[in-house]
Amino acid sequence: ETTRQLGNRMVEAVNRLVDETSDLRREV
């Protein structure tokens, strides 16, 4: 369960990173 929760947090963090990277690419 701890591993599953950690995995979910990692996926959320990567998704935020993808969104922010997309925003930066648009701005550039």
PDB file of all heavy atoms in Angstrom:
ATOM      1  N   GLU A   1       0.836  -1.208   0.000  1.00  0.00           N
ATOM      2  CA  GLU A   1       0.000   0.000   0.000  1.00  0.00           C
ATOM      3  C   GLU A   1       0.869   1.254   0.000  1.00  0.00           C
ATOM      4  O   GLU A   1       0.611   2.207  -0.731  1.00  0.00           O
ATOM      5  CB  GLU A   1      -0.942  -0.002   1.210  1.00  0.00           C
ATOM      6  CG  GLU A   1      -1.795   1.237   1.342  1.00  0.00           C
ATOM      7  CD  GLU A   1      -2.752   1.463   0.185  1.00  0.00           C
ATOM      8  OE1 GLU A   1      -3.043   0.511  -0.566  1.00  0.00           O
ATOM      9  OE2 GLU A   1      -3.212   2.608   0.023  1.00  0.00           O
ATOM     10  N   THR A   2       1.925   1.233   0.794  1.00  0.00           N
ATOM     11  CA  THR A   2       2.850   2.373   0.829  1.00  0.00           C
ATOM     12  C   THR A   2       3.497   2.568  -0.542  1.00  0.00           C
ATOM     13  O   THR A   2       3.595   3.694  -1.038  1.00  0.00           O
ATOM     14  CB  THR A   2       3.934   2.135   1.903  1.00  0.00           C
ATOM     15  OG1 THR A   2       3.293   1.996   3.169  1.00  0.00           O
ATOM     16  CG2 THR A   2       4.929   3.278   1.955  1.00  0.00           C
ATOM     17  N   THR A   3       3.897   1.467  -1.164  1.00  0.00           N
ATOM     18  CA  THR A   3       4.510   1.532  -2.492  1.00  0.00           C
ATOM     19  C   THR A   3       3.513   2.065  -3.516  1.00  0.00           C
ATOM     20  O   THR A   3       3.859   2.894  -4.366  1.00  0.00           O
ATOM     21  CB  THR A   3       5.020   0.140  -2.905  1.00  0.00           C
ATOM     22  OG1 THR A   3       5.974  -0.305  -1.944  1.00  0.00           O
ATOM     23  CG2 THR A   3       5.659   0.167  -4.275  1.00  0.00           C
ATOM     24  N   ARG A   4       2.258   1.617  -3.430  1.00  0.00           N
ATOM     25  CA  ARG A   4       1.227   2.091  -4.355  1.00  0.00           C
ATOM     26  C   ARG A   4       1.011   3.591  -4.203  1.00  0.00           C
ATOM     27  O   ARG A   4       0.940   4.330  -5.188  1.00  0.00           O
ATOM     28  CB  ARG A   4      -0.087   1.339  -4.096  1.00  0.00           C
ATOM     29  CG  ARG A   4      -1.198   1.683  -5.085  1.00  0.00           C
ATOM     30  CD  ARG A   4      -2.541   1.130  -4.632  1.00  0.00           C
ATOM     31  NE  ARG A   4      -3.026   1.775  -3.421  1.00  0.00           N
ATOM     32  CZ  ARG A   4      -3.589   2.980  -3.374  1.00  0.00           C
ATOM     33  NH1 ARG A   4      -3.701   3.710  -4.465  1.00  0.00           N
ATOM     34  NH2 ARG A   4      -4.022   3.477  -2.230  1.00  0.00           N
ATOM     35  N   GLN A   5       0.945   4.056  -2.953  1.00  0.00           N
ATOM     36  CA  GLN A   5       0.749   5.488  -2.711  1.00  0.00           C
ATOM     37  C   GLN A   5       1.934   6.294  -3.231  1.00  0.00           C
ATOM     38  O   GLN A   5       1.751   7.363  -3.828  1.00  0.00           O
ATOM     39  CB  GLN A   5       0.541   5.748  -1.223  1.00  0.00           C
ATOM     40  CG  GLN A   5      -0.782   5.246  -0.707  1.00  0.00           C
ATOM     41  CD  GLN A   5      -0.923   5.407   0.795  1.00  0.00           C
ATOM     42  OE1 GLN A   5      -0.008   5.857   1.478  1.00  0.00           O
ATOM     43  NE2 GLN A   5      -2.076   5.032   1.331  1.00  0.00           N
ATOM     44  N   LEU A   6       3.134   5.794  -3.018  1.00  0.00           N
ATOM     45  CA  LEU A   6       4.324   6.470  -3.529  1.00  0.00           C
ATOM     46  C   LEU A   6       4.292   6.523  -5.055  1.00  0.00           C
ATOM     47  O   LEU A   6       4.592   7.560  -5.654  1.00  0.00           O
ATOM     48  CB  LEU A   6       5.587   5.758  -3.051  1.00  0.00           C
ATOM     49  CG  LEU A   6       6.915   6.309  -3.566  1.00  0.00           C
ATOM     50  CD1 LEU A   6       7.100   7.760  -3.127  1.00  0.00           C
ATOM     51  CD2 LEU A   6       8.071   5.467  -3.068  1.00  0.00           C
ATOM     52  N   GLY A   7       3.906   5.430  -5.672  1.00  0.00           N
ATOM     53  CA  GLY A   7       3.790   5.402  -7.134  1.00  0.00           C
ATOM     54  C   GLY A   7       2.790   6.425  -7.633  1.00  0.00           C
ATOM     55  O   GLY A   7       3.041   7.129  -8.625  1.00  0.00           O
ATOM     56  N   ASN A   8       1.655   6.531  -6.949  1.00  0.00           N
ATOM     57  CA  ASN A   8       0.642   7.519  -7.346  1.00  0.00           C
ATOM     58  C   ASN A   8       1.181   8.939  -7.224  1.00  0.00           C
ATOM     59  O   ASN A   8       0.940   9.776  -8.098  1.00  0.00           O
ATOM     60  CB  ASN A   8      -0.620   7.368  -6.494  1.00  0.00           C
ATOM     61  CG  ASN A   8      -1.433   6.153  -6.876  1.00  0.00           C
ATOM     62  OD1 ASN A   8      -1.262   5.596  -7.947  1.00  0.00           O
ATOM     63  ND2 ASN A   8      -2.312   5.731  -5.994  1.00  0.00           N
ATOM     64  N   ARG A   9       1.910   9.202  -6.139  1.00  0.00           N
ATOM     65  CA  ARG A   9       2.490  10.553  -5.973  1.00  0.00           C
ATOM     66  C   ARG A   9       3.517  10.836  -7.063  1.00  0.00           C
ATOM     67  O   ARG A   9       3.604  11.964  -7.564  1.00  0.00           O
ATOM     68  CB  ARG A   9       3.107  10.695  -4.586  1.00  0.00           C
ATOM     69  CG  ARG A   9       2.071  10.842  -3.489  1.00  0.00           C
ATOM     70  CD  ARG A   9       2.661  11.339  -2.184  1.00  0.00           C
ATOM     71  NE  ARG A   9       3.677  10.476  -1.635  1.00  0.00           N
ATOM     72  CZ  ARG A   9       3.456   9.468  -0.784  1.00  0.00           C
ATOM     73  NH1 ARG A   9       2.240   9.191  -0.385  1.00  0.00           N
ATOM     74  NH2 ARG A   9       4.461   8.748  -0.324  1.00  0.00           N
ATOM     75  N   MET A  10       4.278   9.819  -7.425  1.00  0.00           N
ATOM     76  CA  MET A  10       5.274  10.013  -8.490  1.00  0.00           C
ATOM     77  C   MET A  10       4.592  10.303  -9.821  1.00  0.00           C
ATOM     78  O   MET A  10       5.023  11.186 -10.576  1.00  0.00           O
ATOM     79  CB  MET A  10       6.180   8.781  -8.602  1.00  0.00           C
ATOM     80  CG  MET A  10       7.133   8.639  -7.434  1.00  0.00           C
ATOM     81  SD  MET A  10       8.125   7.138  -7.507  1.00  0.00           S
ATOM     82  CE  MET A  10       9.109   7.452  -8.949  1.00  0.00           C
ATOM     83  N   VAL A  11       3.522   9.585 -10.126  1.00  0.00           N
ATOM     84  CA  VAL A  11       2.785   9.823 -11.372  1.00  0.00           C
ATOM     85  C   VAL A  11       2.225  11.244 -11.388  1.00  0.00           C
ATOM     86  O   VAL A  11       2.311  11.944 -12.403  1.00  0.00           O
ATOM     87  CB  VAL A  11       1.661   8.774 -11.546  1.00  0.00           C
ATOM     88  CG1 VAL A  11       0.679   9.185 -12.635  1.00  0.00           C
ATOM     89  CG2 VAL A  11       2.251   7.401 -11.837  1.00  0.00           C
ATOM     90  N   GLU A  12       1.667  11.679 -10.265  1.00  0.00           N
ATOM     91  CA  GLU A  12       1.138  13.041 -10.189  1.00  0.00           C
ATOM     92  C   GLU A  12       2.238  14.071 -10.397  1.00  0.00           C
ATOM     93  O   GLU A  12       2.039  15.069 -11.112  1.00  0.00           O
ATOM     94  CB  GLU A  12       0.456  13.266  -8.835  1.00  0.00           C
ATOM     95  CG  GLU A  12      -0.834  12.487  -8.672  1.00  0.00           C
ATOM     96  CD  GLU A  12      -1.360  12.515  -7.250  1.00  0.00           C
ATOM     97  OE1 GLU A  12      -0.738  13.148  -6.371  1.00  0.00           O
ATOM     98  OE2 GLU A  12      -2.418  11.896  -7.016  1.00  0.00           O
ATOM     99  N   ALA A  13       3.404  13.833  -9.807  1.00  0.00           N
ATOM    100  CA  ALA A  13       4.513  14.778  -9.959  1.00  0.00           C
ATOM    101  C   ALA A  13       4.984  14.826 -11.410  1.00  0.00           C
ATOM    102  O   ALA A  13       5.253  15.913 -11.953  1.00  0.00           O
ATOM    103  CB  ALA A  13       5.668  14.389  -9.034  1.00  0.00           C
ATOM    104  N   VAL A  14       5.069  13.680 -12.051  1.00  0.00           N
ATOM    105  CA  VAL A  14       5.498  13.643 -13.452  1.00  0.00           C
ATOM    106  C   VAL A  14       4.463  14.336 -14.332  1.00  0.00           C
ATOM    107  O   VAL A  14       4.822  15.088 -15.253  1.00  0.00           O
ATOM    108  CB  VAL A  14       5.745  12.184 -13.910  1.00  0.00           C
ATOM    109  CG1 VAL A  14       5.918  12.097 -15.413  1.00  0.00           C
ATOM    110  CG2 VAL A  14       6.972  11.613 -13.208  1.00  0.00           C
ATOM    111  N   ASN A  15       3.192  14.118 -14.041  1.00  0.00           N
ATOM    112  CA  ASN A  15       2.146  14.797 -14.820  1.00  0.00           C
ATOM    113  C   ASN A  15       2.233  16.313 -14.668  1.00  0.00           C
ATOM    114  O   ASN A  15       2.077  17.052 -15.651  1.00  0.00           O
ATOM    115  CB  ASN A  15       0.756  14.301 -14.405  1.00  0.00           C
ATOM    116  CG  ASN A  15       0.450  12.919 -14.940  1.00  0.00           C
ATOM    117  OD1 ASN A  15       1.045  12.471 -15.915  1.00  0.00           O
ATOM    118  ND2 ASN A  15      -0.471  12.227 -14.294  1.00  0.00           N
ATOM    119  N   ARG A  16       2.508  16.789 -13.446  1.00  0.00           N
ATOM    120  CA  ARG A  16       2.677  18.239 -13.253  1.00  0.00           C
ATOM    121  C   ARG A  16       3.892  18.738 -14.041  1.00  0.00           C
ATOM    122  O   ARG A  16       3.848  19.808 -14.643  1.00  0.00           O
ATOM    123  CB  ARG A  16       2.834  18.569 -11.768  1.00  0.00           C
ATOM    124  CG  ARG A  16       1.527  18.547 -11.000  1.00  0.00           C
ATOM    125  CD  ARG A  16       1.658  19.167  -9.614  1.00  0.00           C
ATOM    126  NE  ARG A  16       2.680  18.533  -8.784  1.00  0.00           N
ATOM    127  CZ  ARG A  16       2.476  17.466  -8.018  1.00  0.00           C
ATOM    128  NH1 ARG A  16       1.284  16.899  -7.954  1.00  0.00           N
ATOM    129  NH2 ARG A  16       3.462  16.967  -7.288  1.00  0.00           N
ATOM    130  N   LEU A  17       4.962  17.957 -14.022  1.00  0.00           N
ATOM    131  CA  LEU A  17       6.168  18.333 -14.772  1.00  0.00           C
ATOM    132  C   LEU A  17       5.873  18.413 -16.265  1.00  0.00           C
ATOM    133  O   LEU A  17       6.312  19.352 -16.945  1.00  0.00           O
ATOM    134  CB  LEU A  17       7.289  17.332 -14.499  1.00  0.00           C
ATOM    135  CG  LEU A  17       8.606  17.562 -15.240  1.00  0.00           C
ATOM    136  CD1 LEU A  17       9.211  18.903 -14.843  1.00  0.00           C
ATOM    137  CD2 LEU A  17       9.577  16.434 -14.962  1.00  0.00           C
ATOM    138  N   VAL A  18       5.121  17.467 -16.785  1.00  0.00           N
ATOM    139  CA  VAL A  18       4.752  17.480 -18.209  1.00  0.00           C
ATOM    140  C   VAL A  18       3.931  18.724 -18.520  1.00  0.00           C
ATOM    141  O   VAL A  18       4.179  19.407 -19.526  1.00  0.00           O
ATOM    142  CB  VAL A  18       3.977  16.192 -18.579  1.00  0.00           C
ATOM    143  CG1 VAL A  18       3.310  16.323 -19.943  1.00  0.00           C
ATOM    144  CG2 VAL A  18       4.904  14.984 -18.546  1.00  0.00           C
ATOM    145  N   ASP A  19       2.968  19.031 -17.653  1.00  0.00           N
ATOM    146  CA  ASP A  19       2.140  20.225 -17.872  1.00  0.00           C
ATOM    147  C   ASP A  19       2.984  21.497 -17.854  1.00  0.00           C
ATOM    148  O   ASP A  19       2.834  22.367 -18.727  1.00  0.00           O
ATOM    149  CB  ASP A  19       1.043  20.331 -16.806  1.00  0.00           C
ATOM    150  CG  ASP A  19      -0.021  19.252 -16.946  1.00  0.00           C
ATOM    151  OD1 ASP A  19      -0.115  18.628 -18.027  1.00  0.00           O
ATOM    152  OD2 ASP A  19      -0.751  19.031 -15.959  1.00  0.00           O
ATOM    153  N   GLU A  20       3.862  21.600 -16.880  1.00  0.00           N
ATOM    154  CA  GLU A  20       4.708  22.793 -16.782  1.00  0.00           C
ATOM    155  C   GLU A  20       5.656  22.894 -17.971  1.00  0.00           C
ATOM    156  O   GLU A  20       5.898  23.997 -18.493  1.00  0.00           O
ATOM    157  CB  GLU A  20       5.481  22.779 -15.470  1.00  0.00           C
ATOM    158  CG  GLU A  20       4.584  23.002 -14.262  1.00  0.00           C
ATOM    159  CD  GLU A  20       5.326  22.892 -12.942  1.00  0.00           C
ATOM    160  OE1 GLU A  20       6.575  22.943 -12.947  1.00  0.00           O
ATOM    161  OE2 GLU A  20       4.653  22.770 -11.909  1.00  0.00           O
ATOM    162  N   THR A  21       6.185  21.768 -18.416  1.00  0.00           N
ATOM    163  CA  THR A  21       7.075  21.774 -19.580  1.00  0.00           C
ATOM    164  C   THR A  21       6.319  22.214 -20.819  1.00  0.00           C
ATOM    165  O   THR A  21       6.836  22.993 -21.634  1.00  0.00           O
ATOM    166  CB  THR A  21       7.695  20.374 -19.788  1.00  0.00           C
ATOM    167  OG1 THR A  21       8.408  20.002 -18.616  1.00  0.00           O
ATOM    168  CG2 THR A  21       8.641  20.357 -20.974  1.00  0.00           C
ATOM    169  N   SER A  22       5.090  21.738 -20.973  1.00  0.00           N
ATOM    170  CA  SER A  22       4.265  22.161 -22.115  1.00  0.00           C
ATOM    171  C   SER A  22       4.007  23.662 -22.078  1.00  0.00           C
ATOM    172  O   SER A  22       4.084  24.341 -23.104  1.00  0.00           O
ATOM    173  CB  SER A  22       2.928  21.411 -22.112  1.00  0.00           C
ATOM    174  OG  SER A  22       3.143  20.044 -22.320  1.00  0.00           O
ATOM    175  N   ASP A  23       3.704  24.174 -20.880  1.00  0.00           N
ATOM    176  CA  ASP A  23       3.492  25.617 -20.735  1.00  0.00           C
ATOM    177  C   ASP A  23       4.744  26.395 -21.123  1.00  0.00           C
ATOM    178  O   ASP A  23       4.665  27.403 -21.838  1.00  0.00           O
ATOM    179  CB  ASP A  23       3.099  25.971 -19.299  1.00  0.00           C
ATOM    180  CG  ASP A  23       1.718  25.453 -18.915  1.00  0.00           C
ATOM    181  OD1 ASP A  23       0.947  25.069 -19.816  1.00  0.00           O
ATOM    182  OD2 ASP A  23       1.426  25.419 -17.695  1.00  0.00           O
ATOM    183  N   LEU A  24       5.890  25.940 -20.655  1.00  0.00           N
ATOM    184  CA  LEU A  24       7.150  26.615 -20.984  1.00  0.00           C
ATOM    185  C   LEU A  24       7.434  26.573 -22.480  1.00  0.00           C
ATOM    186  O   LEU A  24       7.885  27.568 -23.067  1.00  0.00           O
ATOM    187  CB  LEU A  24       8.314  26.002 -20.201  1.00  0.00           C
ATOM    188  CG  LEU A  24       8.334  26.308 -18.710  1.00  0.00           C
ATOM    189  CD1 LEU A  24       9.419  25.481 -18.033  1.00  0.00           C
ATOM    190  CD2 LEU A  24       8.561  27.785 -18.472  1.00  0.00           C
ATOM    191  N   ARG A  25       7.158  25.453 -23.110  1.00  0.00           N
ATOM    192  CA  ARG A  25       7.397  25.347 -24.559  1.00  0.00           C
ATOM    193  C   ARG A  25       6.506  26.319 -25.317  1.00  0.00           C
ATOM    194  O   ARG A  25       6.940  26.959 -26.279  1.00  0.00           O
ATOM    195  CB  ARG A  25       7.143  23.919 -25.038  1.00  0.00           C
ATOM    196  CG  ARG A  25       8.184  22.938 -24.532  1.00  0.00           C
ATOM    197  CD  ARG A  25       7.918  21.564 -25.035  1.00  0.00           C
ATOM    198  NE  ARG A  25       8.437  21.498 -26.393  1.00  0.00           N
ATOM    199  CZ  ARG A  25       8.327  20.440 -27.167  1.00  0.00           C
ATOM    200  NH1 ARG A  25       7.690  19.377 -26.753  1.00  0.00           N
ATOM    201  NH2 ARG A  25       8.830  20.445 -28.375  1.00  0.00           N
ATOM    202  N   ARG A  26       5.246  26.425 -24.868  1.00  0.00           N
ATOM    203  CA  ARG A  26       4.342  27.389 -25.508  1.00  0.00           C
ATOM    204  C   ARG A  26       4.855  28.815 -25.349  1.00  0.00           C
ATOM    205  O   ARG A  26       4.857  29.606 -26.291  1.00  0.00           O
ATOM    206  CB  ARG A  26       2.934  27.270 -24.908  1.00  0.00           C
ATOM    207  CG  ARG A  26       1.974  26.450 -25.727  1.00  0.00           C
ATOM    208  CD  ARG A  26       0.539  26.591 -25.243  1.00  0.00           C
ATOM    209  NE  ARG A  26       0.342  26.272 -23.843  1.00  0.00           N
ATOM    210  CZ  ARG A  26       0.250  25.028 -23.352  1.00  0.00           C
ATOM    211  NH1 ARG A  26       0.355  24.007 -24.165  1.00  0.00           N
ATOM    212  NH2 ARG A  26       0.057  24.829 -22.073  1.00  0.00           N
ATOM    213  N   GLU A  27       5.290  29.134 -24.129  1.00  0.00           N
ATOM    214  CA  GLU A  27       5.797  30.481 -23.872  1.00  0.00           C
ATOM    215  C   GLU A  27       7.040  30.773 -24.700  1.00  0.00           C
ATOM    216  O   GLU A  27       7.177  31.869 -25.255  1.00  0.00           O
ATOM    217  CB  GLU A  27       6.091  30.655 -22.384  1.00  0.00           C
ATOM    218  CG  GLU A  27       4.846  30.709 -21.520  1.00  0.00           C
ATOM    219  CD  GLU A  27       5.165  30.806 -20.040  1.00  0.00           C
ATOM    220  OE1 GLU A  27       6.285  31.214 -19.688  1.00  0.00           O
ATOM    221  OE2 GLU A  27       4.266  30.474 -19.238  1.00  0.00           O
ATOM    222  N   VAL A  28       7.937  29.809 -24.806  1.00  0.00           N
ATOM    223  CA  VAL A  28       9.142  30.003 -25.621  1.00  0.00           C
ATOM    224  C   VAL A  28       8.752  30.175 -27.089  1.00  0.00           C
ATOM    225  O   VAL A  28       9.305  31.035 -27.795  1.00  0.00           O
ATOM    226  CB  VAL A  28      10.130  28.815 -25.438  1.00  0.00           C
ATOM    227  CG1 VAL A  28      11.220  28.837 -26.495  1.00  0.00           C
ATOM    228  CG2 VAL A  28      10.727  28.838 -24.047  1.00  0.00           C
TER     229      VAL A  28
END
